[in-house]
């Protein structure tokens, strides 16, 4: 079964990339400012947002990660291309 790559596919990937960028930057900041409660709150907020976006993506287009970190549908869907890093 071929997955249709519609506009929402690319929108969700773009949102994930943007949220991941924020999380990486906050992680780097918090490495040097571990007591900044506002930054910690922001990190947690974006972490929850990422989980929500990833859940929507995975429910429609398949897993983002392997090794038990993302659920698979039936049949096994990990081998279906393109993978997010291929588009």
C-alpha atoms as a PDB file:
ATOM      1  CA  UNK A   1       0.000   0.000   0.000  1.00  0.00           C
ATOM      2  CA  UNK A   2       1.511   3.295  -1.099  1.00  0.00           C
ATOM      3  CA  UNK A   3       1.317   6.263   1.245  1.00  0.00           C
ATOM      4  CA  UNK A   4       0.041   9.431  -0.388  1.00  0.00           C
ATOM      5  CA  UNK A   5       2.333  12.353   0.407  1.00  0.00           C
ATOM      6  CA  UNK A   6      -0.124  15.215   0.596  1.00  0.00           C
ATOM      7  CA  UNK A   7       0.345  18.784   1.826  1.00  0.00           C
ATOM      8  CA  UNK A   8      -0.323  17.748   5.427  1.00  0.00           C
ATOM      9  CA  UNK A   9       2.609  15.308   5.299  1.00  0.00           C
ATOM     10  CA  UNK A  10       5.005  18.136   4.506  1.00  0.00           C
ATOM     11  CA  UNK A  11       3.319  20.535   6.937  1.00  0.00           C
ATOM     12  CA  UNK A  12       3.665  18.082   9.820  1.00  0.00           C
ATOM     13  CA  UNK A  13       7.318  17.389   8.955  1.00  0.00           C
ATOM     14  CA  UNK A  14       7.989  21.126   8.854  1.00  0.00           C
ATOM     15  CA  UNK A  15       6.323  21.596  12.248  1.00  0.00           C
ATOM     16  CA  UNK A  16       8.374  18.747  13.714  1.00  0.00           C
ATOM     17  CA  UNK A  17      11.590  20.264  12.371  1.00  0.00           C
ATOM     18  CA  UNK A  18      10.729  23.670  13.820  1.00  0.00           C
ATOM     19  CA  UNK A  19       9.855  22.245  17.242  1.00  0.00           C
ATOM     20  CA  UNK A  20      12.977  20.053  17.214  1.00  0.00           C
ATOM     21  CA  UNK A  21      15.091  23.147  16.489  1.00  0.00           C
ATOM     22  CA  UNK A  22      13.574  24.930  19.497  1.00  0.00           C
ATOM     23  CA  UNK A  23      14.189  21.881  21.693  1.00  0.00           C
ATOM     24  CA  UNK A  24      17.824  21.605  20.619  1.00  0.00           C
ATOM     25  CA  UNK A  25      18.417  25.296  21.303  1.00  0.00           C
ATOM     26  CA  UNK A  26      16.706  25.118  24.689  1.00  0.00           C
ATOM     27  CA  UNK A  27      18.738  22.024  25.566  1.00  0.00           C
ATOM     28  CA  UNK A  28      21.971  23.865  24.787  1.00  0.00           C
ATOM     29  CA  UNK A  29      20.829  26.884  26.787  1.00  0.00           C
ATOM     30  CA  UNK A  30      19.773  24.766  29.758  1.00  0.00           C
ATOM     31  CA  UNK A  31      23.144  23.009  29.760  1.00  0.00           C
ATOM     32  CA  UNK A  32      24.639  26.326  30.874  1.00  0.00           C
ATOM     33  CA  UNK A  33      21.601  27.744  32.730  1.00  0.00           C
ATOM     34  CA  UNK A  34      20.135  24.723  34.582  1.00  0.00           C
ATOM     35  CA  UNK A  35      18.156  26.810  37.081  1.00  0.00           C
ATOM     36  CA  UNK A  36      16.226  28.922  34.556  1.00  0.00           C
ATOM     37  CA  UNK A  37      12.687  27.871  35.421  1.00  0.00           C
ATOM     38  CA  UNK A  38      11.137  29.789  32.517  1.00  0.00           C
ATOM     39  CA  UNK A  39      13.383  27.976  30.018  1.00  0.00           C
ATOM     40  CA  UNK A  40      12.596  24.628  31.660  1.00  0.00           C
ATOM     41  CA  UNK A  41       8.877  25.356  31.390  1.00  0.00           C
ATOM     42  CA  UNK A  42       9.308  26.305  27.746  1.00  0.00           C
ATOM     43  CA  UNK A  43      11.323  23.125  27.096  1.00  0.00           C
ATOM     44  CA  UNK A  44       8.570  21.001  28.652  1.00  0.00           C
ATOM     45  CA  UNK A  45       5.881  22.854  26.677  1.00  0.00           C
ATOM     46  CA  UNK A  46       7.667  22.240  23.374  1.00  0.00           C
ATOM     47  CA  UNK A  47       8.345  18.626  24.350  1.00  0.00           C
ATOM     48  CA  UNK A  48       4.605  18.060  24.786  1.00  0.00           C
ATOM     49  CA  UNK A  49       3.872  19.863  21.519  1.00  0.00           C
ATOM     50  CA  UNK A  50       6.369  17.640  19.731  1.00  0.00           C
ATOM     51  CA  UNK A  51       4.699  14.519  21.113  1.00  0.00           C
ATOM     52  CA  UNK A  52       1.301  15.701  19.847  1.00  0.00           C
ATOM     53  CA  UNK A  53       2.575  16.537  16.365  1.00  0.00           C
ATOM     54  CA  UNK A  54       4.501  13.252  16.168  1.00  0.00           C
ATOM     55  CA  UNK A  55       1.396  11.292  17.221  1.00  0.00           C
ATOM     56  CA  UNK A  56      -0.640  12.884  14.422  1.00  0.00           C
ATOM     57  CA  UNK A  57       2.140  12.251  11.905  1.00  0.00           C
ATOM     58  CA  UNK A  58       2.591   8.620  12.954  1.00  0.00           C
ATOM     59  CA  UNK A  59      -1.136   7.891  12.914  1.00  0.00           C
ATOM     60  CA  UNK A  60      -1.342   9.036   9.297  1.00  0.00           C
ATOM     61  CA  UNK A  61       2.059   8.303   7.769  1.00  0.00           C
ATOM     62  CA  UNK A  62       3.829   5.687   9.885  1.00  0.00           C
ATOM     63  CA  UNK A  63       6.631   5.600  12.429  1.00  0.00           C
ATOM     64  CA  UNK A  64       9.248   8.311  12.843  1.00  0.00           C
ATOM     65  CA  UNK A  65      11.630   6.191  14.934  1.00  0.00           C
ATOM     66  CA  UNK A  66      12.409   2.512  15.279  1.00  0.00           C
ATOM     67  CA  UNK A  67      13.518   0.233  18.133  1.00  0.00           C
ATOM     68  CA  UNK A  68      10.156   0.453  19.905  1.00  0.00           C
ATOM     69  CA  UNK A  69      10.082   4.233  20.091  1.00  0.00           C
ATOM     70  CA  UNK A  70       7.242   4.532  17.569  1.00  0.00           C
ATOM     71  CA  UNK A  71       4.317   2.156  17.140  1.00  0.00           C
ATOM     72  CA  UNK A  72       3.883   0.206  13.932  1.00  0.00           C
ATOM     73  CA  UNK A  73       0.655  -0.574  12.203  1.00  0.00           C
ATOM     74  CA  UNK A  74      -0.206  -3.911  10.622  1.00  0.00           C
ATOM     75  CA  UNK A  75       1.416  -4.836   8.355  1.00  0.00           C
ATOM     76  CA  UNK A  76       4.869  -3.774   9.515  1.00  0.00           C
ATOM     77  CA  UNK A  77       5.243  -0.242   8.188  1.00  0.00           C
ATOM     78  CA  UNK A  78       8.824   0.694   9.002  1.00  0.00           C
ATOM     79  CA  UNK A  79      10.083  -0.467   5.617  1.00  0.00           C
ATOM     80  CA  UNK A  80       7.732   1.780   3.646  1.00  0.00           C
ATOM     81  CA  UNK A  81       9.498   4.651   1.914  1.00  0.00           C
ATOM     82  CA  UNK A  82       9.971   7.508   1.756  1.00  0.00           C
ATOM     83  CA  UNK A  83      11.197   7.979   5.296  1.00  0.00           C
ATOM     84  CA  UNK A  84      11.022  11.491   6.773  1.00  0.00           C
ATOM     85  CA  UNK A  85      14.706  12.153   6.113  1.00  0.00           C
ATOM     86  CA  UNK A  86      14.340  11.190   2.446  1.00  0.00           C
ATOM     87  CA  UNK A  87      11.930  13.957   1.457  1.00  0.00           C
END
